[in-house]
Amino acid sequence: QVQLVESGGGLVQGGDSLRLSCTASGRTFGNLPMAWVRSAPGKERELVAVISASGNRTFLSNPVKGRFAVSRDSAKNTIVLQMNSLKPEDTARYYCAAASTNRINFEILTSGRGFMYWGQGTQVTVSS
């Protein structure tokens, strides 16, 4: 069983930056591939970023590419989503997710599939 806790959301203005963190605990059996997914009212859930168990592979969706970055900290039990140049369309609740195993193909994860554990989410609101 894995527990995920996100933090770092808030209310900011367009152009500002936020840094979201997600810490995994429990029986992770080492690092798991993890992701950030956002959800906003009236919009489909959107995969934002994926990072492999080792951290050597990352994926960013096109709307955030060049503005966001995903990384693992040195302990490898925390992932960070650095969000720069925020836009109002980035407004959403951001959820951290972890895959069920570190054996899942990365391409499966970047399609939005394969995630078993989810955090409670943290709200990001960007005003114009």
C-alpha atoms as a PDB file:
ATOM      1  CA  GLN A   1       0.000   0.000   0.000  1.00  0.00           C
ATOM      2  CA  VAL A   2       1.264   3.435  -0.974  1.00  0.00           C
ATOM      3  CA  GLN A   3       0.156   6.799   0.315  1.00  0.00           C
ATOM      4  CA  LEU A   4       0.725  10.026  -1.575  1.00  0.00           C
ATOM      5  CA  VAL A   5       0.516  13.522  -0.151  1.00  0.00           C
ATOM      6  CA  GLU A   6       0.694  16.643  -2.289  1.00  0.00           C
ATOM      7  CA  SER A   7       1.469  20.171  -1.222  1.00  0.00           C
ATOM      8  CA  GLY A   8       2.332  23.535  -2.695  1.00  0.00           C
ATOM      9  CA  GLY A   9      -0.831  24.680  -4.401  1.00  0.00           C
ATOM     10  CA  GLY A  10      -2.219  28.144  -4.061  1.00  0.00           C
ATOM     11  CA  LEU A  11      -3.639  31.236  -5.685  1.00  0.00           C
ATOM     12  CA  VAL A  12      -1.276  33.113  -7.963  1.00  0.00           C
ATOM     13  CA  GLN A  13      -1.351  35.541 -10.835  1.00  0.00           C
ATOM     14  CA  GLY A  14      -0.544  34.786 -14.430  1.00  0.00           C
ATOM     15  CA  GLY A  15       3.188  34.622 -14.988  1.00  0.00           C
ATOM     16  CA  ASP A  16       3.920  33.494 -11.449  1.00  0.00           C
ATOM     17  CA  SER A  17       5.501  30.235 -10.376  1.00  0.00           C
ATOM     18  CA  LEU A  18       4.533  27.445  -8.031  1.00  0.00           C
ATOM     19  CA  ARG A  19       6.346  24.366  -6.858  1.00  0.00           C
ATOM     20  CA  LEU A  20       4.241  21.307  -6.094  1.00  0.00           C
ATOM     21  CA  SER A  21       5.600  18.406  -4.101  1.00  0.00           C
ATOM     22  CA  CYS A  22       4.364  14.866  -3.674  1.00  0.00           C
ATOM     23  CA  THR A  23       5.774  12.514  -1.076  1.00  0.00           C
ATOM     24  CA  ALA A  24       5.210   8.778  -1.246  1.00  0.00           C
ATOM     25  CA  SER A  25       5.163   6.562   1.795  1.00  0.00           C
ATOM     26  CA  GLY A  26       4.232   3.013   2.627  1.00  0.00           C
ATOM     27  CA  ARG A  27       5.195  -0.146   0.808  1.00  0.00           C
ATOM     28  CA  THR A  28       6.658   1.341  -2.318  1.00  0.00           C
ATOM     29  CA  PHE A  29       9.331  -1.372  -2.576  1.00  0.00           C
ATOM     30  CA  GLY A  30      11.662   1.236  -3.869  1.00  0.00           C
ATOM     31  CA  ASN A  31      10.793   3.974  -6.294  1.00  0.00           C
ATOM     32  CA  LEU A  32       7.689   3.874  -8.428  1.00  0.00           C
ATOM     33  CA  PRO A  33       6.929   5.733 -11.622  1.00  0.00           C
ATOM     34  CA  MET A  34       4.865   8.749 -10.718  1.00  0.00           C
ATOM     35  CA  ALA A  35       2.838  11.420 -12.414  1.00  0.00           C
ATOM     36  CA  TRP A  36       0.956  14.640 -12.060  1.00  0.00           C
ATOM     37  CA  VAL A  37      -2.608  14.787 -13.341  1.00  0.00           C
ATOM     38  CA  ARG A  38      -4.864  17.803 -13.257  1.00  0.00           C
ATOM     39  CA  SER A  39      -8.612  18.103 -13.209  1.00  0.00           C
ATOM     40  CA  ALA A  40     -10.769  21.180 -13.618  1.00  0.00           C
ATOM     41  CA  PRO A  41     -14.556  21.534 -13.641  1.00  0.00           C
ATOM     42  CA  GLY A  42     -15.970  21.055 -17.098  1.00  0.00           C
ATOM     43  CA  LYS A  43     -12.713  19.715 -18.479  1.00  0.00           C
ATOM     44  CA  GLU A  44     -11.348  16.248 -19.025  1.00  0.00           C
ATOM     45  CA  ARG A  45      -8.702  14.966 -16.714  1.00  0.00           C
ATOM     46  CA  GLU A  46      -5.314  15.807 -18.193  1.00  0.00           C
ATOM     47  CA  LEU A  47      -2.014  14.074 -17.712  1.00  0.00           C
ATOM     48  CA  VAL A  48       0.568  16.756 -17.005  1.00  0.00           C
ATOM     49  CA  ALA A  49       3.838  14.996 -16.273  1.00  0.00           C
ATOM     50  CA  VAL A  50       5.323  11.557 -15.765  1.00  0.00           C
ATOM     51  CA  ILE A  51       8.641  10.578 -14.258  1.00  0.00           C
ATOM     52  CA  SER A  52      10.179   7.128 -14.274  1.00  0.00           C
ATOM     53  CA  ALA A  53      11.181   5.244 -11.154  1.00  0.00           C
ATOM     54  CA  SER A  54      14.811   6.189 -11.610  1.00  0.00           C
ATOM     55  CA  GLY A  55      14.034   9.713 -12.710  1.00  0.00           C
ATOM     56  CA  ASN A  56      15.953   9.315 -15.945  1.00  0.00           C
ATOM     57  CA  ARG A  57      12.861   9.605 -18.141  1.00  0.00           C
ATOM     58  CA  THR A  58      10.264  12.332 -17.982  1.00  0.00           C
ATOM     59  CA  PHE A  59       7.212  13.308 -19.955  1.00  0.00           C
ATOM     60  CA  LEU A  60       5.441  16.636 -20.140  1.00  0.00           C
ATOM     61  CA  SER A  61       2.206  17.310 -21.945  1.00  0.00           C
ATOM     62  CA  ASN A  62       2.314  19.820 -24.758  1.00  0.00           C
ATOM     63  CA  PRO A  63       0.371  22.571 -22.950  1.00  0.00           C
ATOM     64  CA  VAL A  64       2.971  22.707 -20.187  1.00  0.00           C
ATOM     65  CA  LYS A  65       6.117  21.796 -22.081  1.00  0.00           C
ATOM     66  CA  GLY A  66       8.691  24.533 -21.753  1.00  0.00           C
ATOM     67  CA  ARG A  67       7.009  25.947 -18.667  1.00  0.00           C
ATOM     68  CA  PHE A  68       6.826  23.025 -16.238  1.00  0.00           C
ATOM     69  CA  ALA A  69       9.435  20.526 -15.139  1.00  0.00           C
ATOM     70  CA  VAL A  70       9.112  17.323 -13.159  1.00  0.00           C
ATOM     71  CA  SER A  71      11.906  15.855 -11.094  1.00  0.00           C
ATOM     72  CA  ARG A  72      12.718  13.560  -8.202  1.00  0.00           C
ATOM     73  CA  ASP A  73      14.527  14.735  -5.132  1.00  0.00           C
ATOM     74  CA  SER A  74      17.703  13.070  -3.952  1.00  0.00           C
ATOM     75  CA  ALA A  75      15.807  10.699  -1.662  1.00  0.00           C
ATOM     76  CA  LYS A  76      13.655   9.492  -4.588  1.00  0.00           C
ATOM     77  CA  ASN A  77      10.533   9.348  -2.447  1.00  0.00           C
ATOM     78  CA  THR A  78       9.394  12.814  -3.451  1.00  0.00           C
ATOM     79  CA  ILE A  79       8.606  14.275  -6.834  1.00  0.00           C
ATOM     80  CA  VAL A  80       8.380  17.927  -7.650  1.00  0.00           C
ATOM     81  CA  LEU A  81       6.449  19.776 -10.300  1.00  0.00           C
ATOM     82  CA  GLN A  82       8.026  23.154 -10.914  1.00  0.00           C
ATOM     83  CA  MET A  83       5.471  25.352 -12.648  1.00  0.00           C
ATOM     84  CA  ASN A  84       6.655  28.566 -14.244  1.00  0.00           C
ATOM     85  CA  SER A  85       4.888  31.148 -16.366  1.00  0.00           C
ATOM     86  CA  LEU A  86       1.533  30.015 -15.078  1.00  0.00           C
ATOM     87  CA  LYS A  87      -1.540  30.761 -17.134  1.00  0.00           C
ATOM     88  CA  PRO A  88      -5.207  30.919 -16.154  1.00  0.00           C
ATOM     89  CA  GLU A  89      -5.797  27.742 -18.138  1.00  0.00           C
ATOM     90  CA  ASP A  90      -3.478  25.948 -15.717  1.00  0.00           C
ATOM     91  CA  THR A  91      -6.113  26.377 -13.028  1.00  0.00           C
ATOM     92  CA  ALA A  92      -7.041  22.919 -11.776  1.00  0.00           C
ATOM     93  CA  ARG A  93      -6.715  20.532  -8.930  1.00  0.00           C
ATOM     94  CA  TYR A  94      -3.403  18.755  -9.318  1.00  0.00           C
ATOM     95  CA  TYR A  95      -3.171  15.128  -8.261  1.00  0.00           C
ATOM     96  CA  CYS A  96      -0.101  13.042  -7.704  1.00  0.00           C
ATOM     97  CA  ALA A  97      -0.278   9.450  -8.892  1.00  0.00           C
ATOM     98  CA  ALA A  98       1.973   6.424  -8.624  1.00  0.00           C
ATOM     99  CA  ALA A  99       2.079   3.313 -10.744  1.00  0.00           C
ATOM    100  CA  SER A 100       1.335  -0.087  -9.302  1.00  0.00           C
ATOM    101  CA  THR A 101       4.800  -1.378 -10.125  1.00  0.00           C
ATOM    102  CA  ASN A 102       8.090  -0.143 -11.496  1.00  0.00           C
ATOM    103  CA  ARG A 103       7.817  -2.683 -14.319  1.00  0.00           C
ATOM    104  CA  ILE A 104       5.122  -0.829 -16.246  1.00  0.00           C
ATOM    105  CA  ASN A 105       6.252   0.373 -19.638  1.00  0.00           C
ATOM    106  CA  PHE A 106       6.842   4.095 -19.705  1.00  0.00           C
ATOM    107  CA  GLU A 107       4.741   4.493 -22.846  1.00  0.00           C
ATOM    108  CA  ILE A 108       1.768   3.026 -21.026  1.00  0.00           C
ATOM    109  CA  LEU A 109       2.166   5.616 -18.314  1.00  0.00           C
ATOM    110  CA  THR A 110       2.441   8.530 -20.720  1.00  0.00           C
ATOM    111  CA  SER A 111      -0.885   7.471 -22.191  1.00  0.00           C
ATOM    112  CA  GLY A 112      -2.438   7.988 -18.769  1.00  0.00           C
ATOM    113  CA  ARG A 113      -2.786   4.348 -17.839  1.00  0.00           C
ATOM    114  CA  GLY A 114      -1.224   2.217 -15.153  1.00  0.00           C
ATOM    115  CA  PHE A 115      -1.569   4.426 -12.097  1.00  0.00           C
ATOM    116  CA  MET A 116      -2.913   2.783  -8.992  1.00  0.00           C
ATOM    117  CA  TYR A 117      -2.286   5.173  -6.118  1.00  0.00           C
ATOM    118  CA  TRP A 118      -3.560   8.722  -5.895  1.00  0.00           C
ATOM    119  CA  GLY A 119      -3.132  11.632  -3.574  1.00  0.00           C
ATOM    120  CA  GLN A 120      -5.853  13.954  -2.381  1.00  0.00           C
ATOM    121  CA  GLY A 121      -4.850  16.727  -4.751  1.00  0.00           C
ATOM    122  CA  THR A 122      -3.794  20.311  -4.286  1.00  0.00           C
ATOM    123  CA  GLN A 123      -5.594  23.262  -5.822  1.00  0.00           C
ATOM    124  CA  VAL A 124      -3.817  25.611  -8.194  1.00  0.00           C
ATOM    125  CA  THR A 125      -5.677  28.746  -9.182  1.00  0.00           C
ATOM    126  CA  VAL A 126      -4.165  31.239 -11.599  1.00  0.00           C
ATOM    127  CA  SER A 127      -5.838  34.591 -12.008  1.00  0.00           C
ATOM    128  CA  SER A 128      -5.472  36.835 -15.013  1.00  0.00           C
END
